[in-house]
C-alpha atoms as a PDB file:
ATOM      1  CA  MET A   1     -10.248  13.253 -18.212  1.00  0.00           C
ATOM      2  CA  GLY A   2      -6.984  12.907 -16.342  1.00  0.00           C
ATOM      3  CA  THR A   3      -5.299  16.278 -17.038  1.00  0.00           C
ATOM      4  CA  LEU A   4      -4.928  19.035 -14.492  1.00  0.00           C
ATOM      5  CA  ASP A   5      -7.235  22.043 -14.775  1.00  0.00           C
ATOM      6  CA  PRO A   6      -5.558  24.879 -12.840  1.00  0.00           C
ATOM      7  CA  ASN A   7      -8.926  26.615 -12.435  1.00  0.00           C
ATOM      8  CA  PHE A   8     -10.708  23.533 -11.093  1.00  0.00           C
ATOM      9  CA  PHE A   9     -11.047  24.749  -7.529  1.00  0.00           C
ATOM     10  CA  SER A  10     -13.479  27.616  -7.127  1.00  0.00           C
ATOM     11  CA  SER A  11     -13.844  26.581  -3.496  1.00  0.00           C
ATOM     12  CA  GLN A  12     -12.480  23.746  -1.402  1.00  0.00           C
ATOM     13  CA  LYS A  13     -15.213  21.342  -0.357  1.00  0.00           C
ATOM     14  CA  GLY A  14     -15.081  17.933   1.243  1.00  0.00           C
ATOM     15  CA  LEU A  15     -13.433  17.363   4.623  1.00  0.00           C
ATOM     16  CA  ILE A  16     -10.436  15.024   4.503  1.00  0.00           C
ATOM     17  CA  SER A  17      -9.740  13.064   7.679  1.00  0.00           C
ATOM     18  CA  VAL A  18      -6.007  12.386   7.955  1.00  0.00           C
ATOM     19  CA  ILE A  19      -5.144   9.478  10.250  1.00  0.00           C
ATOM     20  CA  MET A  20      -1.662   9.322  11.770  1.00  0.00           C
ATOM     21  CA  PRO A  21      -0.728   6.425  14.094  1.00  0.00           C
ATOM     22  CA  CYS A  22       2.377   7.022  16.204  1.00  0.00           C
ATOM     23  CA  TYR A  23       4.510   4.811  18.405  1.00  0.00           C
ATOM     24  CA  ASN A  24       7.846   6.159  19.673  1.00  0.00           C
ATOM     25  CA  TYR A  25       8.402   8.349  16.603  1.00  0.00           C
ATOM     26  CA  GLY A  26       8.886  11.589  18.481  1.00  0.00           C
ATOM     27  CA  ARG A  27      12.102  12.313  16.578  1.00  0.00           C
ATOM     28  CA  PHE A  28      10.156  12.394  13.279  1.00  0.00           C
ATOM     29  CA  LEU A  29       6.699  13.507  14.414  1.00  0.00           C
ATOM     30  CA  HIS A  30       7.105  17.281  14.253  1.00  0.00           C
ATOM     31  CA  ASP A  31       8.158  17.195  10.586  1.00  0.00           C
ATOM     32  CA  SER A  32       5.341  14.795   9.655  1.00  0.00           C
ATOM     33  CA  ILE A  33       2.680  16.946  11.305  1.00  0.00           C
ATOM     34  CA  THR A  34       4.149  20.080   9.721  1.00  0.00           C
ATOM     35  CA  SER A  35       3.909  18.487   6.263  1.00  0.00           C
ATOM     36  CA  VAL A  36       0.159  18.093   6.858  1.00  0.00           C
ATOM     37  CA  ILE A  37      -0.264  21.647   8.161  1.00  0.00           C
ATOM     38  CA  ASN A  38       1.538  23.001   5.088  1.00  0.00           C
ATOM     39  CA  GLN A  39      -0.893  21.396   2.635  1.00  0.00           C
ATOM     40  CA  SER A  40      -2.325  23.690  -0.036  1.00  0.00           C
ATOM     41  CA  TYR A  41      -5.711  22.012   0.582  1.00  0.00           C
ATOM     42  CA  LYS A  42      -6.919  23.369   3.921  1.00  0.00           C
ATOM     43  CA  ASN A  43     -10.166  21.512   4.653  1.00  0.00           C
ATOM     44  CA  TRP A  44      -8.736  18.657   6.699  1.00  0.00           C
ATOM     45  CA  GLU A  45      -8.658  17.252  10.190  1.00  0.00           C
ATOM     46  CA  LEU A  46      -5.575  15.452  11.499  1.00  0.00           C
ATOM     47  CA  ILE A  47      -6.307  12.584  13.874  1.00  0.00           C
ATOM     48  CA  ILE A  48      -3.148  11.552  15.711  1.00  0.00           C
ATOM     49  CA  VAL A  49      -3.369   8.309  17.681  1.00  0.00           C
ATOM     50  CA  ASP A  50      -0.525   7.788  20.127  1.00  0.00           C
ATOM     51  CA  ASP A  51      -0.150   4.041  20.545  1.00  0.00           C
ATOM     52  CA  GLY A  52       1.286   4.023  24.063  1.00  0.00           C
ATOM     53  CA  SER A  53       4.556   5.751  23.130  1.00  0.00           C
ATOM     54  CA  GLU A  54       7.324   5.767  25.719  1.00  0.00           C
ATOM     55  CA  ASP A  55       9.178   8.747  24.232  1.00  0.00           C
ATOM     56  CA  ASP A  56       8.049  12.365  23.808  1.00  0.00           C
ATOM     57  CA  SER A  57       5.613  11.647  20.943  1.00  0.00           C
ATOM     58  CA  LEU A  58       2.500  12.586  22.908  1.00  0.00           C
ATOM     59  CA  GLU A  59       3.990  15.851  24.135  1.00  0.00           C
ATOM     60  CA  ILE A  60       5.030  16.811  20.603  1.00  0.00           C
ATOM     61  CA  ALA A  61       1.583  15.980  19.204  1.00  0.00           C
ATOM     62  CA  LYS A  62      -0.116  18.102  21.872  1.00  0.00           C
ATOM     63  CA  SER A  63       2.280  21.016  21.354  1.00  0.00           C
ATOM     64  CA  PHE A  64       0.511  21.998  18.115  1.00  0.00           C
ATOM     65  CA  THR A  65      -2.276  24.537  18.644  1.00  0.00           C
ATOM     66  CA  ASP A  66      -4.019  24.102  15.273  1.00  0.00           C
ATOM     67  CA  SER A  67      -7.695  23.389  16.034  1.00  0.00           C
ATOM     68  CA  ARG A  68      -7.846  20.900  13.150  1.00  0.00           C
ATOM     69  CA  ILE A  69      -5.480  18.552  15.011  1.00  0.00           C
ATOM     70  CA  LYS A  70      -7.060  16.000  17.354  1.00  0.00           C
ATOM     71  CA  VAL A  71      -4.921  13.778  19.584  1.00  0.00           C
ATOM     72  CA  PHE A  72      -6.055  10.450  21.012  1.00  0.00           C
ATOM     73  CA  THR A  73      -4.164   7.943  23.118  1.00  0.00           C
ATOM     74  CA  GLN A  74      -4.409   4.229  23.769  1.00  0.00           C
ATOM     75  CA  PRO A  75      -2.268   1.560  25.446  1.00  0.00           C
ATOM     76  CA  ASN A  76       0.172  -0.031  22.989  1.00  0.00           C
ATOM     77  CA  LYS A  77      -1.957  -2.258  20.745  1.00  0.00           C
ATOM     78  CA  GLY A  78      -0.194  -1.916  17.388  1.00  0.00           C
ATOM     79  CA  VAL A  79      -0.541   0.193  14.273  1.00  0.00           C
ATOM     80  CA  SER A  80      -3.779  -1.471  13.103  1.00  0.00           C
ATOM     81  CA  ALA A  81      -5.583  -0.729  16.361  1.00  0.00           C
ATOM     82  CA  ALA A  82      -4.282   2.856  16.227  1.00  0.00           C
ATOM     83  CA  ARG A  83      -5.563   3.346  12.673  1.00  0.00           C
ATOM     84  CA  ASN A  84      -8.904   1.768  13.590  1.00  0.00           C
ATOM     85  CA  LEU A  85      -9.293   4.177  16.503  1.00  0.00           C
ATOM     86  CA  GLY A  86      -8.549   6.992  14.086  1.00  0.00           C
ATOM     87  CA  LEU A  87     -11.210   5.703  11.698  1.00  0.00           C
ATOM     88  CA  GLN A  88     -13.750   5.672  14.539  1.00  0.00           C
ATOM     89  CA  HIS A  89     -13.207   9.400  15.080  1.00  0.00           C
ATOM     90  CA  ALA A  90     -12.954  10.383  11.403  1.00  0.00           C
ATOM     91  CA  GLU A  91     -15.690  12.743  10.195  1.00  0.00           C
ATOM     92  CA  GLY A  92     -14.456  13.419   6.674  1.00  0.00           C
ATOM     93  CA  GLU A  93     -15.927  12.586   3.306  1.00  0.00           C
ATOM     94  CA  PHE A  94     -12.453  11.312   2.439  1.00  0.00           C
ATOM     95  CA  ILE A  95      -9.821   9.418   4.425  1.00  0.00           C
ATOM     96  CA  ALA A  96      -6.063   9.820   4.030  1.00  0.00           C
ATOM     97  CA  PHE A  97      -3.297   8.154   5.994  1.00  0.00           C
ATOM     98  CA  ILE A  98       0.202   9.257   6.921  1.00  0.00           C
ATOM     99  CA  ASP A  99       2.673   7.422   9.133  1.00  0.00           C
ATOM    100  CA  ALA A 100       4.364   9.485  11.831  1.00  0.00           C
ATOM    101  CA  ASP A 101       7.782   9.218  10.178  1.00  0.00           C
ATOM    102  CA  ASP A 102       6.692  10.035   6.605  1.00  0.00           C
ATOM    103  CA  LEU A 103       6.301  13.336   4.759  1.00  0.00           C
ATOM    104  CA  TRP A 104       3.883  14.845   2.236  1.00  0.00           C
ATOM    105  CA  GLU A 105       4.552  17.297  -0.570  1.00  0.00           C
ATOM    106  CA  ILE A 106       2.506  20.482  -0.338  1.00  0.00           C
ATOM    107  CA  LYS A 107      -0.099  19.565  -3.016  1.00  0.00           C
ATOM    108  CA  LYS A 108      -0.648  15.964  -1.928  1.00  0.00           C
ATOM    109  CA  LEU A 109      -4.167  16.380  -0.563  1.00  0.00           C
ATOM    110  CA  GLU A 110      -5.205  18.902  -3.207  1.00  0.00           C
ATOM    111  CA  LEU A 111      -4.311  16.705  -6.175  1.00  0.00           C
ATOM    112  CA  GLN A 112      -5.655  13.467  -4.732  1.00  0.00           C
ATOM    113  CA  HIS A 113      -8.894  15.182  -3.763  1.00  0.00           C
ATOM    114  CA  GLN A 114      -9.172  16.535  -7.304  1.00  0.00           C
ATOM    115  CA  SER A 115      -8.456  13.109  -8.797  1.00  0.00           C
ATOM    116  CA  LEU A 116     -11.476  11.692  -6.967  1.00  0.00           C
ATOM    117  CA  LEU A 117     -13.767  14.620  -7.793  1.00  0.00           C
ATOM    118  CA  LEU A 118     -13.016  14.334 -11.509  1.00  0.00           C
ATOM    119  CA  ASP A 119     -14.526  10.836 -11.566  1.00  0.00           C
ATOM    120  CA  ARG A 120     -17.307  10.166  -9.071  1.00  0.00           C
ATOM    121  CA  GLU A 121     -17.144   6.429  -9.788  1.00  0.00           C
ATOM    122  CA  CYS A 122     -13.555   6.349  -8.567  1.00  0.00           C
ATOM    123  CA  SER A 123     -13.134   5.706  -4.821  1.00  0.00           C
ATOM    124  CA  ILE A 124      -9.393   5.126  -4.333  1.00  0.00           C
ATOM    125  CA  SER A 125      -6.539   7.496  -5.153  1.00  0.00           C
ATOM    126  CA  PHE A 126      -2.905   6.518  -4.765  1.00  0.00           C
ATOM    127  CA  CYS A 127       0.104   8.599  -5.686  1.00  0.00           C
ATOM    128  CA  ASN A 128       3.688   8.117  -6.733  1.00  0.00           C
ATOM    129  CA  PHE A 129       6.164   8.530  -3.875  1.00  0.00           C
ATOM    130  CA  GLY A 130       9.843   8.504  -3.047  1.00  0.00           C
ATOM    131  CA  ARG A 131      11.715   6.523  -0.425  1.00  0.00           C
ATOM    132  CA  PHE A 132      14.476   7.961   1.733  1.00  0.00           C
ATOM    133  CA  SER A 133      16.782   6.675   4.438  1.00  0.00           C
ATOM    134  CA  ASN A 134      16.191   6.900   8.163  1.00  0.00           C
ATOM    135  CA  ASN A 135      18.675   9.765   8.550  1.00  0.00           C
ATOM    136  CA  ASN A 136      17.515  11.477   5.315  1.00  0.00           C
ATOM    137  CA  THR A 137      20.929  11.090   3.653  1.00  0.00           C
ATOM    138  CA  GLN A 138      20.029   8.596   0.942  1.00  0.00           C
ATOM    139  CA  SER A 139      17.266   8.248  -1.646  1.00  0.00           C
ATOM    140  CA  PHE A 140      15.954   4.845  -2.714  1.00  0.00           C
ATOM    141  CA  GLY A 141      14.087   5.947  -5.823  1.00  0.00           C
ATOM    142  CA  TYR A 142      10.383   6.181  -6.559  1.00  0.00           C
ATOM    143  CA  PHE A 143       7.418   3.841  -6.545  1.00  0.00           C
ATOM    144  CA  SER A 144       7.085   4.460 -10.303  1.00  0.00           C
ATOM    145  CA  ASP A 145      10.510   2.831 -10.806  1.00  0.00           C
ATOM    146  CA  PHE A 146       8.885  -0.498  -9.904  1.00  0.00           C
ATOM    147  CA  PHE A 147       5.581   0.251 -11.592  1.00  0.00           C
ATOM    148  CA  ARG A 148       7.140  -0.355 -15.030  1.00  0.00           C
ATOM    149  CA  ASN A 149       4.536  -2.697 -16.447  1.00  0.00           C
ATOM    150  CA  ARG A 150       1.954   0.092 -16.144  1.00  0.00           C
ATOM    151  CA  LYS A 151       4.350   2.897 -16.999  1.00  0.00           C
ATOM    152  CA  ALA A 152       4.237   2.382 -20.755  1.00  0.00           C
ATOM    153  CA  LYS A 153       0.452   2.794 -20.772  1.00  0.00           C
ATOM    154  CA  ILE A 154       0.471   6.141 -18.962  1.00  0.00           C
ATOM    155  CA  SER A 155       0.796   9.276 -21.068  1.00  0.00           C
ATOM    156  CA  LYS A 156       3.537  11.682 -20.055  1.00  0.00           C
ATOM    157  CA  LYS A 157       0.953  14.487 -20.256  1.00  0.00           C
ATOM    158  CA  THR A 158      -1.338  12.755 -17.774  1.00  0.00           C
ATOM    159  CA  ILE A 159      -1.373  13.602 -14.078  1.00  0.00           C
ATOM    160  CA  PHE A 160      -4.275  11.282 -13.239  1.00  0.00           C
ATOM    161  CA  HIS A 161      -4.399   7.763 -14.676  1.00  0.00           C
ATOM    162  CA  TYR A 162      -7.747   6.029 -14.141  1.00  0.00           C
ATOM    163  CA  TYR A 163      -8.226   2.256 -14.074  1.00  0.00           C
ATOM    164  CA  LYS A 164     -11.620   1.458 -15.541  1.00  0.00           C
ATOM    165  CA  GLY A 165     -12.992  -2.008 -14.855  1.00  0.00           C
ATOM    166  CA  ASN A 166      -9.585  -3.607 -14.293  1.00  0.00           C
ATOM    167  CA  THR A 167      -8.299  -1.904 -11.139  1.00  0.00           C
ATOM    168  CA  PHE A 168      -7.694  -5.158  -9.275  1.00  0.00           C
ATOM    169  CA  GLN A 169      -5.822  -6.846 -12.123  1.00  0.00           C
ATOM    170  CA  GLU A 170      -3.676  -3.808 -12.905  1.00  0.00           C
ATOM    171  CA  LEU A 171      -2.691  -2.976  -9.339  1.00  0.00           C
ATOM    172  CA  THR A 172      -1.695  -6.552  -8.514  1.00  0.00           C
ATOM    173  CA  LYS A 173       0.270  -7.494 -11.618  1.00  0.00           C
ATOM    174  CA  THR A 174       3.553  -7.496  -9.694  1.00  0.00           C
ATOM    175  CA  SER A 175       4.567  -7.846  -6.047  1.00  0.00           C
ATOM    176  CA  GLU A 176       5.013  -4.058  -5.883  1.00  0.00           C
ATOM    177  CA  MET A 177       1.468  -2.883  -5.209  1.00  0.00           C
ATOM    178  CA  PRO A 178       0.151   0.514  -4.047  1.00  0.00           C
ATOM    179  CA  TRP A 179      -0.643  -0.630  -0.509  1.00  0.00           C
ATOM    180  CA  TYR A 180       1.372   2.084   1.248  1.00  0.00           C
ATOM    181  CA  PRO A 181      -1.114   4.044   3.417  1.00  0.00           C
ATOM    182  CA  THR A 182       0.869   7.309   3.291  1.00  0.00           C
ATOM    183  CA  ALA A 183       0.256   7.457  -0.481  1.00  0.00           C
ATOM    184  CA  VAL A 184      -3.482   6.658  -0.413  1.00  0.00           C
ATOM    185  CA  MET A 185      -6.745   8.586  -0.158  1.00  0.00           C
ATOM    186  CA  ILE A 186     -10.163   6.899  -0.218  1.00  0.00           C
ATOM    187  CA  ARG A 187     -13.811   7.838   0.023  1.00  0.00           C
ATOM    188  CA  SER A 188     -14.947   7.141   3.581  1.00  0.00           C
ATOM    189  CA  SER A 189     -18.180   5.631   2.266  1.00  0.00           C
ATOM    190  CA  ILE A 190     -16.387   2.488   1.028  1.00  0.00           C
ATOM    191  CA  ILE A 191     -15.005   1.475   4.440  1.00  0.00           C
ATOM    192  CA  LYS A 192     -17.956   1.813   6.799  1.00  0.00           C
ATOM    193  CA  ASN A 193     -17.655  -1.855   7.791  1.00  0.00           C
ATOM    194  CA  HIS A 194     -14.001  -2.310   6.873  1.00  0.00           C
ATOM    195  CA  ILE A 195     -11.122  -2.046   9.374  1.00  0.00           C
ATOM    196  CA  PHE A 196      -7.462  -2.990   9.681  1.00  0.00           C
ATOM    197  CA  ASN A 197      -6.773  -6.535  10.878  1.00  0.00           C
ATOM    198  CA  GLU A 198      -5.369  -6.155  14.379  1.00  0.00           C
ATOM    199  CA  THR A 199      -4.082  -9.756  14.483  1.00  0.00           C
ATOM    200  CA  LEU A 200      -1.478  -9.134  11.758  1.00  0.00           C
ATOM    201  CA  SER A 201       1.975  -7.960  12.820  1.00  0.00           C
ATOM    202  CA  ILE A 202       3.043  -7.234   9.211  1.00  0.00           C
ATOM    203  CA  GLY A 203       1.093  -6.772   6.005  1.00  0.00           C
ATOM    204  CA  GLU A 204      -1.957  -5.276   7.700  1.00  0.00           C
ATOM    205  CA  ASP A 205      -1.971  -2.531   5.072  1.00  0.00           C
ATOM    206  CA  ILE A 206      -2.061  -4.976   2.138  1.00  0.00           C
ATOM    207  CA  ALA A 207      -4.828  -6.940   3.855  1.00  0.00           C
ATOM    208  CA  PHE A 208      -6.800  -3.703   4.259  1.00  0.00           C
ATOM    209  CA  PHE A 209      -6.503  -2.468   0.688  1.00  0.00           C
ATOM    210  CA  LEU A 210      -6.752  -5.748  -1.251  1.00  0.00           C
ATOM    211  CA  PRO A 211     -10.556  -6.171  -0.840  1.00  0.00           C
ATOM    212  CA  LEU A 212     -11.032  -2.520  -1.813  1.00  0.00           C
ATOM    213  CA  TRP A 213      -9.110  -3.009  -5.070  1.00  0.00           C
ATOM    214  CA  ILE A 214     -11.375  -5.948  -5.891  1.00  0.00           C
ATOM    215  CA  SER A 215     -14.576  -3.951  -5.374  1.00  0.00           C
ATOM    216  CA  PHE A 216     -13.800  -0.325  -6.295  1.00  0.00           C
ATOM    217  CA  GLU A 217     -12.140   1.751  -9.022  1.00  0.00           C
ATOM    218  CA  ALA A 218      -8.814   3.537  -8.492  1.00  0.00           C
ATOM    219  CA  VAL A 219      -6.828   6.433  -9.910  1.00  0.00           C
ATOM    220  CA  TYR A 220      -3.046   6.827  -9.923  1.00  0.00           C
ATOM    221  CA  VAL A 221      -1.582  10.318  -9.416  1.00  0.00           C
ATOM    222  CA  VAL A 222       1.692  10.049 -11.291  1.00  0.00           C
ATOM    223  CA  LEU A 223       3.424  12.920  -9.477  1.00  0.00           C
ATOM    224  CA  PRO A 224       5.508  11.953  -6.405  1.00  0.00           C
ATOM    225  CA  LEU A 225       3.475  13.540  -3.616  1.00  0.00           C
ATOM    226  CA  ALA A 226       4.815  11.656  -0.588  1.00  0.00           C
ATOM    227  CA  ARG A 227       8.125  10.583   0.918  1.00  0.00           C
ATOM    228  CA  LEU A 228       8.334   7.309   2.837  1.00  0.00           C
ATOM    229  CA  ARG A 229      11.082   6.761   5.379  1.00  0.00           C
ATOM    230  CA  VAL A 230      12.885   3.414   5.116  1.00  0.00           C
ATOM    231  CA  HIS A 231      14.117   1.803   8.319  1.00  0.00           C
ATOM    232  CA  ASP A 232      16.718  -0.929   7.791  1.00  0.00           C
ATOM    233  CA  SER A 233      15.290  -3.221  10.447  1.00  0.00           C
ATOM    234  CA  ASN A 234      11.698  -3.378   9.237  1.00  0.00           C
ATOM    235  CA  ALA A 235      12.681  -3.345   5.531  1.00  0.00           C
ATOM    236  CA  SER A 236      14.844  -6.454   5.836  1.00  0.00           C
ATOM    237  CA  HIS A 237      12.333  -8.212   8.084  1.00  0.00           C
ATOM    238  CA  TYR A 238       9.503  -7.628   5.628  1.00  0.00           C
ATOM    239  CA  ALA A 239      11.405  -8.640   2.495  1.00  0.00           C
ATOM    240  CA  GLY A 240      11.772 -12.234   3.629  1.00  0.00           C
ATOM    241  CA  SER A 241       8.045 -12.846   4.175  1.00  0.00           C
ATOM    242  CA  HIS A 242       6.472 -10.568   1.553  1.00  0.00           C
ATOM    243  CA  ASN A 243       5.562 -13.225  -1.026  1.00  0.00           C
ATOM    244  CA  LYS A 244       4.383 -15.682   1.625  1.00  0.00           C
ATOM    245  CA  LEU A 245       2.043 -13.026   2.952  1.00  0.00           C
ATOM    246  CA  LEU A 246       0.759 -12.212  -0.537  1.00  0.00           C
ATOM    247  CA  TYR A 247       0.146 -15.893  -1.253  1.00  0.00           C
ATOM    248  CA  LYS A 248      -1.784 -16.214   2.012  1.00  0.00           C
ATOM    249  CA  LEU A 249      -3.903 -13.145   1.282  1.00  0.00           C
ATOM    250  CA  PHE A 250      -4.669 -14.161  -2.303  1.00  0.00           C
ATOM    251  CA  SER A 251      -5.537 -17.671  -1.096  1.00  0.00           C
ATOM    252  CA  SER A 252      -8.068 -16.174   1.321  1.00  0.00           C
ATOM    253  CA  ILE A 253      -9.995 -14.393  -1.454  1.00  0.00           C
ATOM    254  CA  THR A 254     -13.451 -15.912  -1.952  1.00  0.00           C
ATOM    255  CA  LEU A 255     -13.775 -16.659  -5.657  1.00  0.00           C
ATOM    256  CA  GLU A 256     -17.467 -17.550  -5.949  1.00  0.00           C
ATOM    257  CA  SER A 257     -18.716 -13.969  -6.147  1.00  0.00           C
ATOM    258  CA  LEU A 258     -16.037 -12.748  -8.571  1.00  0.00           C
ATOM    259  CA  PRO A 259     -16.306 -12.481 -12.372  1.00  0.00           C
ATOM    260  CA  ALA A 260     -14.335 -15.006 -14.417  1.00  0.00           C
ATOM    261  CA  SER A 261     -11.581 -12.506 -15.306  1.00  0.00           C
ATOM    262  CA  LYS A 262     -10.812 -11.802 -11.648  1.00  0.00           C
ATOM    263  CA  ILE A 263     -10.964 -15.492 -10.707  1.00  0.00           C
ATOM    264  CA  LYS A 264      -8.410 -16.292 -13.384  1.00  0.00           C
ATOM    265  CA  HIS A 265      -6.188 -13.462 -12.167  1.00  0.00           C
ATOM    266  CA  VAL A 266      -6.330 -14.602  -8.525  1.00  0.00           C
ATOM    267  CA  GLU A 267      -5.468 -18.182  -9.509  1.00  0.00           C
ATOM    268  CA  SER A 268      -2.559 -16.963 -11.620  1.00  0.00           C
ATOM    269  CA  LYS A 269      -1.231 -14.754  -8.812  1.00  0.00           C
ATOM    270  CA  ARG A 270      -1.310 -17.648  -6.354  1.00  0.00           C
ATOM    271  CA  ILE A 271       0.985 -19.590  -8.679  1.00  0.00           C
ATOM    272  CA  ASP A 272       3.226 -16.541  -9.175  1.00  0.00           C
ATOM    273  CA  PHE A 273       3.751 -16.102  -5.439  1.00  0.00           C
ATOM    274  CA  LEU A 274       4.483 -19.795  -4.924  1.00  0.00           C
ATOM    275  CA  MET A 275       7.076 -19.598  -7.687  1.00  0.00           C
ATOM    276  CA  LEU A 276       8.657 -16.513  -6.108  1.00  0.00           C
ATOM    277  CA  ILE A 277       8.800 -18.223  -2.708  1.00  0.00           C
ATOM    278  CA  GLY A 278      10.365 -21.271  -4.332  1.00  0.00           C
ATOM    279  CA  TYR A 279      12.926 -19.121  -6.106  1.00  0.00           C
ATOM    280  CA  GLY A 280      13.770 -17.357  -2.847  1.00  0.00           C
ATOM    281  CA  TYR A 281      14.636 -20.674  -1.226  1.00  0.00           C
ATOM    282  CA  LYS A 282      16.537 -21.762  -4.327  1.00  0.00           C
ATOM    283  CA  ILE A 283      18.939 -18.817  -4.286  1.00  0.00           C
ATOM    284  CA  LYS A 284      19.598 -19.553  -0.599  1.00  0.00           C
ATOM    285  CA  GLY A 285      20.488 -23.149  -1.511  1.00  0.00           C
ATOM    286  CA  GLU A 286      17.471 -24.613   0.290  1.00  0.00           C
ATOM    287  CA  TYR A 287      16.470 -26.843  -2.610  1.00  0.00           C
ATOM    288  CA  ILE A 288      14.080 -29.164  -0.768  1.00  0.00           C
ATOM    289  CA  LYS A 289      11.972 -26.241   0.474  1.00  0.00           C
ATOM    290  CA  SER A 290      12.216 -24.658  -2.961  1.00  0.00           C
ATOM    291  CA  MET A 291      10.988 -27.814  -4.661  1.00  0.00           C
ATOM    292  CA  ALA A 292       8.020 -28.058  -2.271  1.00  0.00           C
ATOM    293  CA  TYR A 293       6.753 -24.641  -3.371  1.00  0.00           C
ATOM    294  CA  TYR A 294       7.411 -25.332  -7.044  1.00  0.00           C
ATOM    295  CA  LYS A 295       5.442 -28.584  -6.775  1.00  0.00           C
ATOM    296  CA  LYS A 296       2.581 -26.775  -5.055  1.00  0.00           C
ATOM    297  CA  ALA A 297       2.559 -24.252  -7.902  1.00  0.00           C
ATOM    298  CA  LEU A 298       2.440 -27.129 -10.370  1.00  0.00           C
ATOM    299  CA  SER A 299      -0.551 -28.666  -8.566  1.00  0.00           C
ATOM    300  CA  LEU A 300      -2.498 -25.414  -8.975  1.00  0.00           C
ATOM    301  CA  HIS A 301      -1.551 -24.905 -12.605  1.00  0.00           C
ATOM    302  CA  ASN A 302      -4.267 -25.153 -15.227  1.00  0.00           C
ATOM    303  CA  GLY A 303      -3.067 -22.482 -17.599  1.00  0.00           C
ATOM    304  CA  PRO A 304      -0.675 -22.063 -20.530  1.00  0.00           C
ATOM    305  CA  LYS A 305       1.673 -24.905 -21.444  1.00  0.00           C
ATOM    306  CA  PRO A 306       4.817 -22.686 -21.417  1.00  0.00           C
ATOM    307  CA  LEU A 307       4.246 -21.850 -17.743  1.00  0.00           C
ATOM    308  CA  TYR A 308       3.742 -25.536 -16.980  1.00  0.00           C
ATOM    309  CA  ASN A 309       7.018 -26.368 -18.719  1.00  0.00           C
ATOM    310  CA  TYR A 310       8.794 -23.606 -16.816  1.00  0.00           C
ATOM    311  CA  VAL A 311       7.611 -24.914 -13.432  1.00  0.00           C
ATOM    312  CA  VAL A 312       8.696 -28.437 -14.358  1.00  0.00           C
ATOM    313  CA  SER A 313      12.121 -27.148 -15.419  1.00  0.00           C
ATOM    314  CA  CYS A 314      12.520 -25.396 -12.047  1.00  0.00           C
ATOM    315  CA  ILE A 315      11.759 -28.642 -10.228  1.00  0.00           C
ATOM    316  CA  LYS A 316      14.236 -30.592 -12.379  1.00  0.00           C
ATOM    317  CA  ASN A 317      16.884 -27.941 -11.806  1.00  0.00           C
ATOM    318  CA  ASN A 318      16.423 -28.246  -8.042  1.00  0.00           C
ATOM    319  CA  MET A 319      16.771 -32.024  -8.273  1.00  0.00           C
ATOM    320  CA  LYS A 320      20.088 -31.597 -10.105  1.00  0.00           C
ATOM    321  CA  ASN A 321      21.305 -29.170  -7.462  1.00  0.00           C
ATOM    322  CA  LEU A 322      20.359 -31.632  -4.724  1.00  0.00           C
ATOM    323  CA  LYS A 323      22.423 -34.380  -6.408  1.00  0.00           C
ATOM    324  CA  ILE A 324      25.415 -32.036  -6.718  1.00  0.00           C
ATOM    325  CA  LYS A 325      25.076 -31.021  -3.075  1.00  0.00           C
ATOM    326  CA  THR A 326      25.016 -34.579  -1.839  1.00  0.00           C
END
């Protein structure tokens, strides 16, 4: 399992509903839609939800005559509401997402569809992807560059890497998690009562996928099949609150119904995120705020002694810096 069989497809079965929210991305929309139309896998429907755009997005979306493209509109309610409206209209056995400024490689749907058919117990497929600048003049590397702790375990001959029984732990080992919708395909059956949180202004995608990782198995397609556009404004805004959001989401996980291994992992991740938040304040010279998060991490600690000693050393180091500052 996990290697590509070039003769796998005798026929293409299984409708894939592709959901594309759009708000004022008219300058990118044509290329994004075209990257869906050009897919080698042809059994798809593209559901474009215009979220009250004030530019020419709606006109561009409606200019395509492909009968597989469906366009819906709503007043501006945010990306989560747009995706949820798309989910309401989705008829496919599988769901894929693409943002209106991102691009897909030609075999994206084909390979992710195959990755899920090869293992019927697997419900989530995510792929490697590249990042590029707003004006398409600069590359920011690949998701796999930050997926190093899993990289060593993945054979170079493998196209599909399956996580059996430890999906949640493996996908959340670091702060770089596969929560990017443009790179994901899922079975529609696992989200019948699951929607995007419309109250979140950032991190709605992590909040959507995190419960799925806890409950279902995933497969990683190691080939870079998508390209995500990086906008300077939202990238810098998100970086400052990323670990706080992750701590909040992991703190909201109900532990009672989880097996012991997952409970231990959640508790460990909560400490990790507190430490990262504390470190972020430390490098900005905000030692009192830093110490507050380190102390909170210490209060949650019930694990290995070396980690305990490390947290204590961070607190002592902050106290020294405070004395120097004053």
